[in-house]
Amino acid sequence: MMRYLIMACGGVGGLAFILLWGLTFLRPDFVVETSRYVISTALYDEIDRRVDTLPAFLAKRIASTEEQRERLKAHLQGAVAERLDNVVAHRSVPEPTGLMGAVHRKIAHALRQKYREVVGQLTHDFRLFTGLSGGLFLAVTLTAFLCRDRIRPLLVPTGLLLLATGFMSYSYIFMQDWLYTIIFNDYMGWYYLVYVGLVFALLCDITLNRACVLRALIDGITSLGN
């Protein structure tokens, strides 16, 4: 019974992650659609930085007061929001004319570069996450399927690997500060596999080894503190 439960959980999880991984190639805008808020927030921070560092002559003519400066930021943020909507819909966005248009084009060029950078890095990290998670879930399923005669001694470690992968998948999606990740370029990448391994090792130590390694580490840290 436990073998079939592990196979079912691993198969469903693996299939879901592999489908998400394939979706990033079939629909390149998938990451933009699902992470629109964090991308736009990161670009808004870039707008604040760009406007606050405008050349002196432009600052005097366009943003000489704090109110005007905030109006310029609001205008650019509105343009970013509209651009993100139109990226998904594959439409072009009209740009203002005159001096405001010149400033808009200058900052918009930097924002486009930032946008491509953010989307590229986010897509790469998401592909690593979904690919590695899908591979781990399918590995669990394959182990349970092939080792039917020797499944009893493998049930606990296989179940723990499934649990570790599920926990890290949840942590990656729901417990990660995505705004911090994007702004500071602090993506998990291949370290995700390391984190899964650490959680798996910890669970194995607690379940199979009565937490001997964990207790030794805690005792060692405590003795260093004393």
N, C-alpha and C. Protein backbone atom coordinates (compact mmCIF):
# COMPACT_ATOMS: atom_id res chain seq x y z
N MET A 1 0.83 -1.21 0.00
CA MET A 1 0.00 0.00 0.00
C MET A 1 0.86 1.26 0.00
N MET A 2 1.88 1.27 0.89
CA MET A 2 2.77 2.43 0.97
C MET A 2 3.52 2.64 -0.34
N ARG A 3 3.88 1.53 -0.98
CA ARG A 3 4.59 1.63 -2.27
C ARG A 3 3.74 2.35 -3.30
N TYR A 4 2.47 2.00 -3.38
CA TYR A 4 1.59 2.64 -4.35
C TYR A 4 1.33 4.10 -4.00
N LEU A 5 1.28 4.40 -2.72
CA LEU A 5 1.09 5.79 -2.30
C LEU A 5 2.29 6.65 -2.71
N ILE A 6 3.51 6.11 -2.50
CA ILE A 6 4.73 6.84 -2.89
C ILE A 6 4.77 7.02 -4.40
N MET A 7 4.42 5.97 -5.14
CA MET A 7 4.41 6.07 -6.60
C MET A 7 3.39 7.10 -7.08
N ALA A 8 2.22 7.13 -6.44
CA ALA A 8 1.18 8.09 -6.84
C ALA A 8 1.62 9.52 -6.56
N CYS A 9 2.13 9.77 -5.36
CA CYS A 9 2.58 11.13 -5.00
C CYS A 9 3.74 11.57 -5.88
N GLY A 10 4.71 10.67 -6.06
CA GLY A 10 5.86 11.01 -6.89
C GLY A 10 5.48 11.24 -8.34
N GLY A 11 4.57 10.40 -8.85
CA GLY A 11 4.15 10.54 -10.25
C GLY A 11 3.39 11.83 -10.50
N VAL A 12 2.45 12.14 -9.61
CA VAL A 12 1.67 13.38 -9.77
C VAL A 12 2.56 14.61 -9.64
N GLY A 13 3.43 14.62 -8.61
CA GLY A 13 4.34 15.75 -8.42
C GLY A 13 5.30 15.90 -9.58
N GLY A 14 5.88 14.78 -10.03
CA GLY A 14 6.82 14.84 -11.15
C GLY A 14 6.17 15.33 -12.42
N LEU A 15 4.98 14.82 -12.72
CA LEU A 15 4.27 15.24 -13.92
C LEU A 15 3.93 16.73 -13.88
N ALA A 16 3.49 17.22 -12.71
CA ALA A 16 3.13 18.63 -12.57
C ALA A 16 4.34 19.53 -12.81
N PHE A 17 5.48 19.19 -12.22
CA PHE A 17 6.67 20.01 -12.38
C PHE A 17 7.22 19.95 -13.81
N ILE A 18 7.19 18.78 -14.42
CA ILE A 18 7.68 18.66 -15.80
C ILE A 18 6.79 19.46 -16.74
N LEU A 19 5.48 19.45 -16.50
CA LEU A 19 4.57 20.25 -17.33
C LEU A 19 4.85 21.74 -17.18
N LEU A 20 5.10 22.19 -15.94
CA LEU A 20 5.46 23.60 -15.72
C LEU A 20 6.77 23.94 -16.40
N TRP A 21 7.74 23.03 -16.32
CA TRP A 21 9.03 23.24 -16.98
C TRP A 21 8.85 23.38 -18.49
N GLY A 22 8.05 22.49 -19.08
CA GLY A 22 7.82 22.57 -20.52
C GLY A 22 7.04 23.81 -20.91
N LEU A 23 6.18 24.29 -20.01
CA LEU A 23 5.37 25.47 -20.30
C LEU A 23 6.23 26.72 -20.47
N THR A 24 7.37 26.78 -19.77
CA THR A 24 8.24 27.95 -19.91
C THR A 24 8.87 28.02 -21.29
N PHE A 25 8.96 26.90 -22.00
CA PHE A 25 9.49 26.89 -23.37
C PHE A 25 8.37 27.09 -24.39
N LEU A 26 7.21 26.49 -24.13
CA LEU A 26 6.10 26.61 -25.06
C LEU A 26 5.47 28.00 -25.02
N ARG A 27 5.45 28.61 -23.82
CA ARG A 27 4.89 29.96 -23.65
C ARG A 27 5.90 30.81 -22.90
N PRO A 28 6.79 31.52 -23.62
CA PRO A 28 7.82 32.33 -22.96
C PRO A 28 7.26 33.39 -22.03
N ASP A 29 6.01 33.84 -22.27
CA ASP A 29 5.41 34.88 -21.43
C ASP A 29 4.81 34.30 -20.14
N PHE A 30 4.92 32.99 -19.96
CA PHE A 30 4.32 32.35 -18.78
C PHE A 30 4.89 32.92 -17.48
N VAL A 31 6.21 33.13 -17.43
CA VAL A 31 6.84 33.66 -16.22
C VAL A 31 6.39 35.09 -15.98
N VAL A 32 6.25 35.89 -17.06
CA VAL A 32 5.80 37.27 -16.92
C VAL A 32 4.39 37.31 -16.35
N GLU A 33 3.53 36.44 -16.86
CA GLU A 33 2.14 36.43 -16.41
C GLU A 33 2.03 36.04 -14.93
N THR A 34 2.82 35.05 -14.51
CA THR A 34 2.69 34.54 -13.15
C THR A 34 3.47 35.35 -12.12
N SER A 35 4.41 36.17 -12.57
CA SER A 35 5.23 36.94 -11.62
C SER A 35 5.19 38.43 -11.93
N ARG A 36 4.07 38.87 -12.49
CA ARG A 36 3.95 40.27 -12.92
C ARG A 36 4.18 41.24 -11.77
N TYR A 37 3.66 40.93 -10.59
CA TYR A 37 3.75 41.86 -9.46
C TYR A 37 5.20 42.10 -9.05
N VAL A 38 5.96 41.01 -8.86
CA VAL A 38 7.33 41.20 -8.38
C VAL A 38 8.21 41.85 -9.45
N ILE A 39 7.95 41.55 -10.72
CA ILE A 39 8.72 42.19 -11.79
C ILE A 39 8.44 43.68 -11.82
N SER A 40 7.16 44.06 -11.76
CA SER A 40 6.80 45.48 -11.81
C SER A 40 7.34 46.22 -10.59
N THR A 41 7.33 45.60 -9.41
CA THR A 41 7.85 46.25 -8.22
C THR A 41 9.34 46.49 -8.34
N ALA A 42 10.06 45.52 -8.87
CA ALA A 42 11.50 45.68 -9.07
C ALA A 42 11.78 46.81 -10.07
N LEU A 43 10.97 46.90 -11.12
CA LEU A 43 11.16 47.97 -12.10
C LEU A 43 10.79 49.33 -11.51
N TYR A 44 9.80 49.38 -10.63
CA TYR A 44 9.45 50.64 -9.97
C TYR A 44 10.62 51.15 -9.13
N ASP A 45 11.31 50.23 -8.45
CA ASP A 45 12.49 50.63 -7.68
C ASP A 45 13.57 51.18 -8.60
N GLU A 46 13.69 50.59 -9.78
CA GLU A 46 14.66 51.09 -10.76
C GLU A 46 14.26 52.48 -11.24
N ILE A 47 12.96 52.71 -11.42
CA ILE A 47 12.48 54.05 -11.81
C ILE A 47 12.85 55.07 -10.75
N ASP A 48 12.61 54.75 -9.49
CA ASP A 48 12.95 55.68 -8.40
C ASP A 48 14.43 56.04 -8.45
N ARG A 49 15.26 55.05 -8.66
CA ARG A 49 16.70 55.30 -8.68
C ARG A 49 17.09 56.16 -9.88
N ARG A 50 16.50 55.87 -11.05
CA ARG A 50 16.84 56.62 -12.27
C ARG A 50 16.38 58.07 -12.18
N VAL A 51 15.15 58.28 -11.71
CA VAL A 51 14.63 59.64 -11.62
C VAL A 51 15.41 60.45 -10.59
N ASP A 52 15.77 59.82 -9.49
CA ASP A 52 16.51 60.53 -8.44
C ASP A 52 17.92 60.89 -8.88
N THR A 53 18.42 60.23 -9.93
CA THR A 53 19.78 60.53 -10.41
C THR A 53 19.75 61.17 -11.80
N LEU A 54 18.65 61.86 -12.14
CA LEU A 54 18.57 62.57 -13.42
C LEU A 54 19.68 63.63 -13.50
N PRO A 55 20.19 63.90 -14.72
CA PRO A 55 21.14 65.00 -14.87
C PRO A 55 20.57 66.31 -14.35
N ALA A 56 21.43 67.19 -13.89
CA ALA A 56 20.99 68.42 -13.22
C ALA A 56 20.08 69.27 -14.11
N PHE A 57 20.44 69.41 -15.41
CA PHE A 57 19.63 70.28 -16.27
C PHE A 57 18.24 69.71 -16.50
N LEU A 58 18.12 68.39 -16.54
CA LEU A 58 16.80 67.78 -16.69
C LEU A 58 16.03 67.87 -15.38
N ALA A 59 16.73 67.70 -14.29
CA ALA A 59 16.06 67.79 -12.99
C ALA A 59 15.45 69.17 -12.78
N LYS A 60 16.16 70.21 -13.23
CA LYS A 60 15.65 71.57 -13.06
C LYS A 60 14.44 71.82 -13.94
N ARG A 61 14.46 71.29 -15.17
CA ARG A 61 13.39 71.58 -16.11
C ARG A 61 12.15 70.70 -15.91
N ILE A 62 12.37 69.47 -15.43
CA ILE A 62 11.26 68.53 -15.35
C ILE A 62 10.87 68.20 -13.92
N ALA A 63 11.83 68.03 -13.06
CA ALA A 63 11.55 67.57 -11.71
C ALA A 63 12.18 68.50 -10.69
N SER A 64 11.92 69.80 -10.84
CA SER A 64 12.54 70.78 -9.95
C SER A 64 11.96 70.72 -8.56
N THR A 65 10.75 70.23 -8.43
CA THR A 65 10.13 70.10 -7.11
C THR A 65 9.85 68.64 -6.83
N GLU A 66 9.67 68.33 -5.57
CA GLU A 66 9.40 66.94 -5.19
C GLU A 66 8.09 66.45 -5.80
N GLU A 67 7.11 67.37 -5.89
CA GLU A 67 5.82 66.99 -6.47
C GLU A 67 5.98 66.61 -7.94
N GLN A 68 6.75 67.43 -8.70
CA GLN A 68 6.96 67.12 -10.11
C GLN A 68 7.75 65.82 -10.28
N ARG A 69 8.71 65.62 -9.39
CA ARG A 69 9.51 64.40 -9.45
C ARG A 69 8.62 63.16 -9.23
N GLU A 70 7.71 63.28 -8.28
CA GLU A 70 6.79 62.16 -8.01
C GLU A 70 5.83 61.95 -9.17
N ARG A 71 5.43 63.05 -9.83
CA ARG A 71 4.56 62.93 -11.00
C ARG A 71 5.26 62.19 -12.12
N LEU A 72 6.57 62.50 -12.31
CA LEU A 72 7.33 61.82 -13.35
C LEU A 72 7.45 60.33 -13.03
N LYS A 73 7.71 60.02 -11.76
CA LYS A 73 7.79 58.61 -11.35
C LYS A 73 6.46 57.90 -11.59
N ALA A 74 5.37 58.58 -11.23
CA ALA A 74 4.05 57.97 -11.41
C ALA A 74 3.76 57.72 -12.89
N HIS A 75 4.18 58.69 -13.75
CA HIS A 75 3.97 58.53 -15.19
C HIS A 75 4.74 57.32 -15.71
N LEU A 76 5.99 57.18 -15.29
CA LEU A 76 6.81 56.07 -15.76
C LEU A 76 6.31 54.74 -15.20
N GLN A 77 5.85 54.75 -13.96
CA GLN A 77 5.32 53.52 -13.38
C GLN A 77 4.05 53.08 -14.11
N GLY A 78 3.23 54.06 -14.49
CA GLY A 78 2.05 53.74 -15.27
C GLY A 78 2.41 53.16 -16.62
N ALA A 79 3.48 53.71 -17.23
CA ALA A 79 3.94 53.20 -18.51
C ALA A 79 4.47 51.78 -18.37
N VAL A 80 5.17 51.50 -17.26
CA VAL A 80 5.68 50.15 -17.03
C VAL A 80 4.53 49.17 -16.88
N ALA A 81 3.52 49.55 -16.08
CA ALA A 81 2.36 48.67 -15.89
C ALA A 81 1.67 48.40 -17.22
N GLU A 82 1.53 49.45 -18.03
CA GLU A 82 0.89 49.28 -19.34
C GLU A 82 1.75 48.41 -20.24
N ARG A 83 3.08 48.61 -20.16
CA ARG A 83 3.97 47.83 -21.01
C ARG A 83 3.92 46.35 -20.63
N LEU A 84 3.88 46.06 -19.33
CA LEU A 84 3.79 44.67 -18.91
C LEU A 84 2.49 44.03 -19.40
N ASP A 85 1.40 44.79 -19.33
CA ASP A 85 0.13 44.28 -19.86
C ASP A 85 0.24 44.00 -21.34
N ASN A 86 0.92 44.88 -22.06
CA ASN A 86 1.00 44.74 -23.51
C ASN A 86 2.05 43.73 -23.93
N VAL A 87 3.05 43.46 -23.08
CA VAL A 87 3.99 42.39 -23.38
C VAL A 87 3.25 41.07 -23.42
N VAL A 88 2.35 40.89 -22.45
CA VAL A 88 1.56 39.67 -22.41
C VAL A 88 0.62 39.61 -23.61
N ALA A 89 0.06 40.76 -23.99
CA ALA A 89 -0.90 40.80 -25.10
C ALA A 89 -0.22 41.03 -26.45
N HIS A 90 1.13 41.22 -26.46
CA HIS A 90 1.89 41.43 -27.68
C HIS A 90 1.43 42.69 -28.43
N ARG A 91 1.20 43.79 -27.68
CA ARG A 91 0.84 45.06 -28.30
C ARG A 91 1.93 46.07 -28.02
N SER A 92 2.03 47.10 -28.86
CA SER A 92 3.00 48.16 -28.65
C SER A 92 2.38 49.27 -27.81
N VAL A 93 3.25 50.05 -27.14
CA VAL A 93 2.78 51.12 -26.26
C VAL A 93 3.22 52.46 -26.82
N PRO A 94 2.30 53.43 -27.04
CA PRO A 94 2.69 54.76 -27.52
C PRO A 94 3.49 55.51 -26.48
N GLU A 95 4.49 56.30 -26.93
CA GLU A 95 5.33 57.06 -26.02
C GLU A 95 4.99 58.54 -26.10
N PRO A 96 5.18 59.29 -25.00
CA PRO A 96 4.92 60.73 -25.03
C PRO A 96 5.93 61.45 -25.92
N THR A 97 5.60 62.70 -26.27
CA THR A 97 6.48 63.50 -27.14
C THR A 97 7.11 64.62 -26.33
N GLY A 98 7.99 65.38 -27.00
CA GLY A 98 8.63 66.53 -26.35
C GLY A 98 9.70 66.11 -25.36
N LEU A 99 9.97 67.02 -24.43
CA LEU A 99 11.02 66.78 -23.44
C LEU A 99 10.68 65.58 -22.56
N MET A 100 9.40 65.47 -22.18
CA MET A 100 8.98 64.33 -21.39
C MET A 100 9.23 63.03 -22.15
N GLY A 101 9.03 63.08 -23.47
CA GLY A 101 9.29 61.90 -24.29
C GLY A 101 10.75 61.53 -24.31
N ALA A 102 11.64 62.55 -24.36
CA ALA A 102 13.09 62.28 -24.35
C ALA A 102 13.51 61.60 -23.05
N VAL A 103 13.00 62.13 -21.94
CA VAL A 103 13.32 61.53 -20.64
C VAL A 103 12.73 60.13 -20.56
N HIS A 104 11.50 60.00 -21.05
CA HIS A 104 10.83 58.70 -21.03
C HIS A 104 11.63 57.67 -21.82
N ARG A 105 12.11 58.05 -23.02
CA ARG A 105 12.86 57.11 -23.84
C ARG A 105 14.18 56.72 -23.19
N LYS A 106 14.84 57.71 -22.55
CA LYS A 106 16.13 57.44 -21.90
C LYS A 106 15.97 56.43 -20.77
N ILE A 107 14.97 56.68 -19.91
CA ILE A 107 14.76 55.78 -18.78
C ILE A 107 14.14 54.46 -19.24
N ALA A 108 13.24 54.54 -20.24
CA ALA A 108 12.59 53.32 -20.74
C ALA A 108 13.61 52.36 -21.33
N HIS A 109 14.68 52.91 -21.97
CA HIS A 109 15.73 52.04 -22.53
C HIS A 109 16.41 51.25 -21.42
N ALA A 110 16.72 51.95 -20.32
CA ALA A 110 17.35 51.27 -19.18
C ALA A 110 16.39 50.25 -18.57
N LEU A 111 15.10 50.61 -18.52
CA LEU A 111 14.12 49.70 -17.95
C LEU A 111 13.93 48.45 -18.82
N ARG A 112 14.00 48.63 -20.15
CA ARG A 112 13.88 47.47 -21.03
C ARG A 112 15.02 46.49 -20.80
N GLN A 113 16.24 47.06 -20.63
CA GLN A 113 17.38 46.20 -20.34
C GLN A 113 17.18 45.47 -19.00
N LYS A 114 16.72 46.24 -18.00
CA LYS A 114 16.46 45.65 -16.69
C LYS A 114 15.36 44.59 -16.78
N TYR A 115 14.33 44.88 -17.56
CA TYR A 115 13.21 43.96 -17.72
C TYR A 115 13.69 42.64 -18.33
N ARG A 116 14.48 42.74 -19.43
CA ARG A 116 14.99 41.52 -20.07
C ARG A 116 15.88 40.73 -19.11
N GLU A 117 16.68 41.46 -18.34
CA GLU A 117 17.56 40.80 -17.38
C GLU A 117 16.76 40.07 -16.30
N VAL A 118 15.75 40.75 -15.74
CA VAL A 118 14.94 40.15 -14.68
C VAL A 118 14.19 38.93 -15.20
N VAL A 119 13.53 39.07 -16.35
CA VAL A 119 12.74 37.97 -16.90
C VAL A 119 13.64 36.79 -17.25
N GLY A 120 14.82 37.08 -17.84
CA GLY A 120 15.75 36.01 -18.21
C GLY A 120 16.23 35.24 -17.00
N GLN A 121 16.64 35.95 -15.95
CA GLN A 121 17.13 35.29 -14.75
C GLN A 121 16.02 34.53 -14.03
N LEU A 122 14.84 35.15 -13.97
CA LEU A 122 13.71 34.51 -13.29
C LEU A 122 13.29 33.24 -14.03
N THR A 123 13.26 33.31 -15.36
CA THR A 123 12.90 32.14 -16.17
C THR A 123 13.91 31.02 -15.99
N HIS A 124 15.21 31.38 -16.02
CA HIS A 124 16.26 30.38 -15.84
C HIS A 124 16.13 29.69 -14.48
N ASP A 125 15.92 30.48 -13.43
CA ASP A 125 15.80 29.91 -12.09
C ASP A 125 14.56 29.04 -11.96
N PHE A 126 13.45 29.50 -12.57
CA PHE A 126 12.21 28.72 -12.50
C PHE A 126 12.36 27.40 -13.25
N ARG A 127 13.08 27.42 -14.38
CA ARG A 127 13.31 26.18 -15.13
C ARG A 127 14.16 25.20 -14.33
N LEU A 128 15.19 25.72 -13.65
CA LEU A 128 16.00 24.85 -12.80
C LEU A 128 15.15 24.23 -11.69
N PHE A 129 14.34 25.08 -11.05
CA PHE A 129 13.50 24.60 -9.94
C PHE A 129 12.53 23.52 -10.40
N THR A 130 11.79 23.79 -11.48
CA THR A 130 10.79 22.82 -11.94
C THR A 130 11.46 21.56 -12.50
N GLY A 131 12.57 21.73 -13.22
CA GLY A 131 13.27 20.57 -13.78
C GLY A 131 13.84 19.67 -12.70
N LEU A 132 14.52 20.27 -11.71
CA LEU A 132 15.11 19.47 -10.63
C LEU A 132 14.03 18.82 -9.77
N SER A 133 12.98 19.57 -9.45
CA SER A 133 11.89 19.01 -8.64
C SER A 133 11.20 17.86 -9.37
N GLY A 134 10.91 18.08 -10.66
CA GLY A 134 10.29 17.02 -11.44
C GLY A 134 11.16 15.79 -11.52
N GLY A 135 12.47 16.00 -11.71
CA GLY A 135 13.40 14.87 -11.77
C GLY A 135 13.45 14.09 -10.46
N LEU A 136 13.46 14.80 -9.34
CA LEU A 136 13.49 14.13 -8.03
C LEU A 136 12.21 13.34 -7.77
N PHE A 137 11.07 13.94 -8.08
CA PHE A 137 9.80 13.24 -7.89
C PHE A 137 9.72 11.99 -8.77
N LEU A 138 10.17 12.10 -10.02
CA LEU A 138 10.14 10.95 -10.91
C LEU A 138 11.15 9.88 -10.48
N ALA A 139 12.29 10.32 -9.91
CA ALA A 139 13.27 9.36 -9.40
C ALA A 139 12.68 8.55 -8.25
N VAL A 140 11.93 9.22 -7.39
CA VAL A 140 11.25 8.52 -6.29
C VAL A 140 10.26 7.49 -6.85
N THR A 141 9.48 7.92 -7.84
CA THR A 141 8.49 7.02 -8.46
C THR A 141 9.17 5.82 -9.11
N LEU A 142 10.27 6.09 -9.84
CA LEU A 142 10.98 5.01 -10.53
C LEU A 142 11.59 4.03 -9.54
N THR A 143 12.13 4.55 -8.44
CA THR A 143 12.70 3.68 -7.41
C THR A 143 11.64 2.76 -6.82
N ALA A 144 10.49 3.33 -6.50
CA ALA A 144 9.40 2.52 -5.92
C ALA A 144 8.88 1.49 -6.92
N PHE A 145 8.92 1.83 -8.21
CA PHE A 145 8.40 0.92 -9.24
C PHE A 145 9.37 -0.23 -9.52
N LEU A 146 10.67 0.09 -9.64
CA LEU A 146 11.65 -0.93 -10.02
C LEU A 146 12.03 -1.85 -8.87
N CYS A 147 11.99 -1.32 -7.65
CA CYS A 147 12.45 -2.11 -6.50
C CYS A 147 11.29 -2.72 -5.73
N ARG A 148 10.35 -3.28 -6.44
CA ARG A 148 9.14 -3.81 -5.78
C ARG A 148 9.48 -4.96 -4.82
N ASP A 149 10.52 -5.76 -5.16
CA ASP A 149 10.89 -6.87 -4.29
C ASP A 149 11.73 -6.41 -3.10
N ARG A 150 12.35 -5.26 -3.23
CA ARG A 150 13.21 -4.76 -2.15
C ARG A 150 12.70 -3.42 -1.63
N ILE A 151 11.41 -3.19 -1.77
CA ILE A 151 10.86 -1.88 -1.46
C ILE A 151 10.78 -1.61 0.04
N ARG A 152 10.65 -2.68 0.86
CA ARG A 152 10.46 -2.45 2.29
C ARG A 152 11.61 -1.66 2.92
N PRO A 153 12.89 -2.05 2.71
CA PRO A 153 13.97 -1.24 3.30
C PRO A 153 14.12 0.13 2.66
N LEU A 154 13.56 0.31 1.46
CA LEU A 154 13.68 1.60 0.77
C LEU A 154 12.50 2.52 1.03
N LEU A 155 11.47 2.01 1.70
CA LEU A 155 10.27 2.81 1.89
C LEU A 155 10.55 4.10 2.65
N VAL A 156 11.27 3.99 3.76
CA VAL A 156 11.51 5.17 4.60
C VAL A 156 12.37 6.21 3.89
N PRO A 157 13.57 5.84 3.35
CA PRO A 157 14.36 6.87 2.66
C PRO A 157 13.67 7.44 1.42
N THR A 158 12.92 6.59 0.70
CA THR A 158 12.20 7.08 -0.48
C THR A 158 11.11 8.07 -0.07
N GLY A 159 10.38 7.72 0.99
CA GLY A 159 9.35 8.64 1.49
C GLY A 159 9.95 9.93 2.01
N LEU A 160 11.12 9.84 2.66
CA LEU A 160 11.77 11.04 3.18
C LEU A 160 12.26 11.95 2.04
N LEU A 161 12.76 11.33 0.96
CA LEU A 161 13.17 12.14 -0.19
C LEU A 161 11.97 12.85 -0.80
N LEU A 162 10.85 12.15 -0.86
CA LEU A 162 9.62 12.76 -1.36
C LEU A 162 9.20 13.92 -0.47
N LEU A 163 9.29 13.72 0.84
CA LEU A 163 8.92 14.77 1.80
C LEU A 163 9.86 15.97 1.70
N ALA A 164 11.16 15.70 1.58
CA ALA A 164 12.15 16.79 1.48
C ALA A 164 11.93 17.61 0.21
N THR A 165 11.66 16.93 -0.90
CA THR A 165 11.41 17.64 -2.16
C THR A 165 10.13 18.46 -2.08
N GLY A 166 9.09 17.88 -1.48
CA GLY A 166 7.84 18.62 -1.33
C GLY A 166 8.00 19.84 -0.45
N PHE A 167 8.74 19.69 0.66
CA PHE A 167 8.95 20.82 1.57
C PHE A 167 9.74 21.93 0.89
N MET A 168 10.81 21.58 0.16
CA MET A 168 11.62 22.60 -0.50
C MET A 168 10.86 23.25 -1.65
N SER A 169 9.99 22.50 -2.31
CA SER A 169 9.17 23.09 -3.37
C SER A 169 8.23 24.13 -2.79
N TYR A 170 7.61 23.80 -1.67
CA TYR A 170 6.73 24.75 -0.98
C TYR A 170 7.52 25.98 -0.53
N SER A 171 8.71 25.76 0.03
CA SER A 171 9.54 26.87 0.50
C SER A 171 9.95 27.77 -0.65
N TYR A 172 10.30 27.17 -1.78
CA TYR A 172 10.73 27.95 -2.95
C TYR A 172 9.62 28.86 -3.44
N ILE A 173 8.41 28.35 -3.50
CA ILE A 173 7.30 29.11 -4.08
C ILE A 173 6.69 30.09 -3.09
N PHE A 174 6.43 29.64 -1.87
CA PHE A 174 5.62 30.43 -0.94
C PHE A 174 6.41 31.10 0.19
N MET A 175 7.61 30.65 0.50
CA MET A 175 8.35 31.20 1.64
C MET A 175 9.52 32.08 1.21
N GLN A 176 9.75 32.18 -0.09
CA GLN A 176 10.86 32.99 -0.59
C GLN A 176 10.41 34.43 -0.78
N ASP A 177 11.26 35.39 -0.40
CA ASP A 177 10.97 36.81 -0.62
C ASP A 177 11.37 37.14 -2.06
N TRP A 178 10.38 37.07 -2.96
CA TRP A 178 10.70 37.21 -4.38
C TRP A 178 11.18 38.61 -4.73
N LEU A 179 10.67 39.62 -4.05
CA LEU A 179 11.12 40.98 -4.32
C LEU A 179 12.60 41.12 -3.98
N TYR A 180 13.01 40.60 -2.83
CA TYR A 180 14.43 40.62 -2.44
C TYR A 180 15.26 39.82 -3.44
N THR A 181 14.74 38.66 -3.85
CA THR A 181 15.46 37.79 -4.78
C THR A 181 15.75 38.51 -6.09
N ILE A 182 14.75 39.23 -6.63
CA ILE A 182 14.92 39.90 -7.91
C ILE A 182 15.81 41.12 -7.78
N ILE A 183 15.57 41.95 -6.76
CA ILE A 183 16.34 43.19 -6.62
C ILE A 183 17.81 42.90 -6.38
N PHE A 184 18.12 41.92 -5.53
CA PHE A 184 19.51 41.62 -5.19
C PHE A 184 20.08 40.45 -5.98
N ASN A 185 19.35 40.00 -6.99
CA ASN A 185 19.84 38.94 -7.88
C ASN A 185 20.27 37.72 -7.07
N ASP A 186 19.48 37.37 -6.07
CA ASP A 186 19.83 36.29 -5.14
C ASP A 186 18.99 35.05 -5.45
N TYR A 187 19.17 34.51 -6.66
CA TYR A 187 18.38 33.36 -7.07
C TYR A 187 18.96 32.07 -6.49
N MET A 188 18.10 31.09 -6.28
CA MET A 188 18.52 29.85 -5.66
C MET A 188 19.35 28.98 -6.60
N GLY A 189 18.93 28.87 -7.86
CA GLY A 189 19.69 28.13 -8.85
C GLY A 189 19.94 26.68 -8.45
N TRP A 190 21.19 26.24 -8.71
CA TRP A 190 21.56 24.86 -8.41
C TRP A 190 21.62 24.59 -6.91
N TYR A 191 21.69 25.66 -6.10
CA TYR A 191 21.69 25.46 -4.65
C TYR A 191 20.40 24.80 -4.17
N TYR A 192 19.35 24.89 -4.98
CA TYR A 192 18.09 24.24 -4.62
C TYR A 192 18.31 22.75 -4.39
N LEU A 193 19.12 22.13 -5.26
CA LEU A 193 19.41 20.70 -5.12
C LEU A 193 20.19 20.43 -3.83
N VAL A 194 21.10 21.36 -3.48
CA VAL A 194 21.86 21.22 -2.23
C VAL A 194 20.92 21.30 -1.02
N TYR A 195 19.98 22.26 -1.07
CA TYR A 195 19.04 22.42 0.03
C TYR A 195 18.16 21.18 0.20
N VAL A 196 17.71 20.61 -0.92
CA VAL A 196 16.92 19.38 -0.85
C VAL A 196 17.74 18.27 -0.20
N GLY A 197 19.02 18.18 -0.60
CA GLY A 197 19.90 17.17 -0.02
C GLY A 197 20.09 17.35 1.48
N LEU A 198 20.23 18.61 1.92
CA LEU A 198 20.40 18.88 3.35
C LEU A 198 19.14 18.52 4.14
N VAL A 199 17.98 18.89 3.60
CA VAL A 199 16.72 18.55 4.28
C VAL A 199 16.54 17.03 4.32
N PHE A 200 16.88 16.37 3.21
CA PHE A 200 16.78 14.90 3.16
C PHE A 200 17.71 14.26 4.18
N ALA A 201 18.95 14.76 4.27
CA ALA A 201 19.91 14.21 5.24
C ALA A 201 19.43 14.43 6.67
N LEU A 202 18.86 15.61 6.92
CA LEU A 202 18.35 15.91 8.26
C LEU A 202 17.20 14.97 8.63
N LEU A 203 16.28 14.77 7.69
CA LEU A 203 15.15 13.88 7.95
C LEU A 203 15.61 12.44 8.17
N CYS A 204 16.61 12.00 7.38
CA CYS A 204 17.14 10.65 7.55
C CYS A 204 17.81 10.49 8.92
N ASP A 205 18.54 11.53 9.34
CA ASP A 205 19.21 11.47 10.64
C ASP A 205 18.19 11.38 11.77
N ILE A 206 17.13 12.18 11.66
CA ILE A 206 16.11 12.19 12.70
C ILE A 206 15.34 10.86 12.73
N THR A 207 15.01 10.35 11.54
CA THR A 207 14.16 9.16 11.47
C THR A 207 14.93 7.86 11.66
N LEU A 208 16.09 7.75 11.03
CA LEU A 208 16.83 6.48 11.01
C LEU A 208 17.97 6.43 12.02
N ASN A 209 18.45 7.59 12.45
CA ASN A 209 19.64 7.63 13.30
C ASN A 209 19.38 8.28 14.65
N ARG A 210 18.09 8.47 14.96
CA ARG A 210 17.68 9.07 16.23
C ARG A 210 18.35 10.43 16.47
N ALA A 211 18.57 11.16 15.39
CA ALA A 211 19.12 12.53 15.44
C ALA A 211 20.49 12.58 16.11
N CYS A 212 21.29 11.52 15.96
CA CYS A 212 22.62 11.51 16.59
C CYS A 212 23.52 12.59 16.02
N VAL A 213 23.52 12.74 14.70
CA VAL A 213 24.36 13.75 14.05
C VAL A 213 23.89 15.15 14.44
N LEU A 214 22.58 15.35 14.44
CA LEU A 214 22.03 16.66 14.80
C LEU A 214 22.38 17.02 16.25
N ARG A 215 22.25 16.05 17.16
CA ARG A 215 22.59 16.32 18.56
C ARG A 215 24.07 16.62 18.72
N ALA A 216 24.92 15.90 17.97
CA ALA A 216 26.36 16.15 18.04
C ALA A 216 26.70 17.55 17.56
N LEU A 217 26.02 17.99 16.48
CA LEU A 217 26.25 19.35 15.98
C LEU A 217 25.81 20.40 17.00
N ILE A 218 24.65 20.19 17.59
CA ILE A 218 24.15 21.14 18.59
C ILE A 218 25.08 21.19 19.81
N ASP A 219 25.54 20.01 20.26
CA ASP A 219 26.46 19.97 21.40
C ASP A 219 27.77 20.68 21.07
N GLY A 220 28.24 20.49 19.82
CA GLY A 220 29.49 21.14 19.41
C GLY A 220 29.35 22.65 19.38
N ILE A 221 28.23 23.14 18.85
CA ILE A 221 28.00 24.59 18.80
C ILE A 221 27.85 25.15 20.21
N THR A 222 27.16 24.40 21.08
CA THR A 222 26.98 24.85 22.46
C THR A 222 28.31 24.93 23.20
N SER A 223 29.18 23.93 22.98
CA SER A 223 30.48 23.93 23.64
C SER A 223 31.36 25.07 23.16
N LEU A 224 31.24 25.43 21.88
CA LEU A 224 32.00 26.57 21.35
C LEU A 224 31.54 27.86 22.00
N GLY A 225 30.21 27.96 22.24
CA GLY A 225 29.68 29.16 22.87
C GLY A 225 30.14 29.32 24.31
N ASN A 226 30.38 28.19 24.96
CA ASN A 226 30.84 28.25 26.35
C ASN A 226 32.36 28.44 26.42
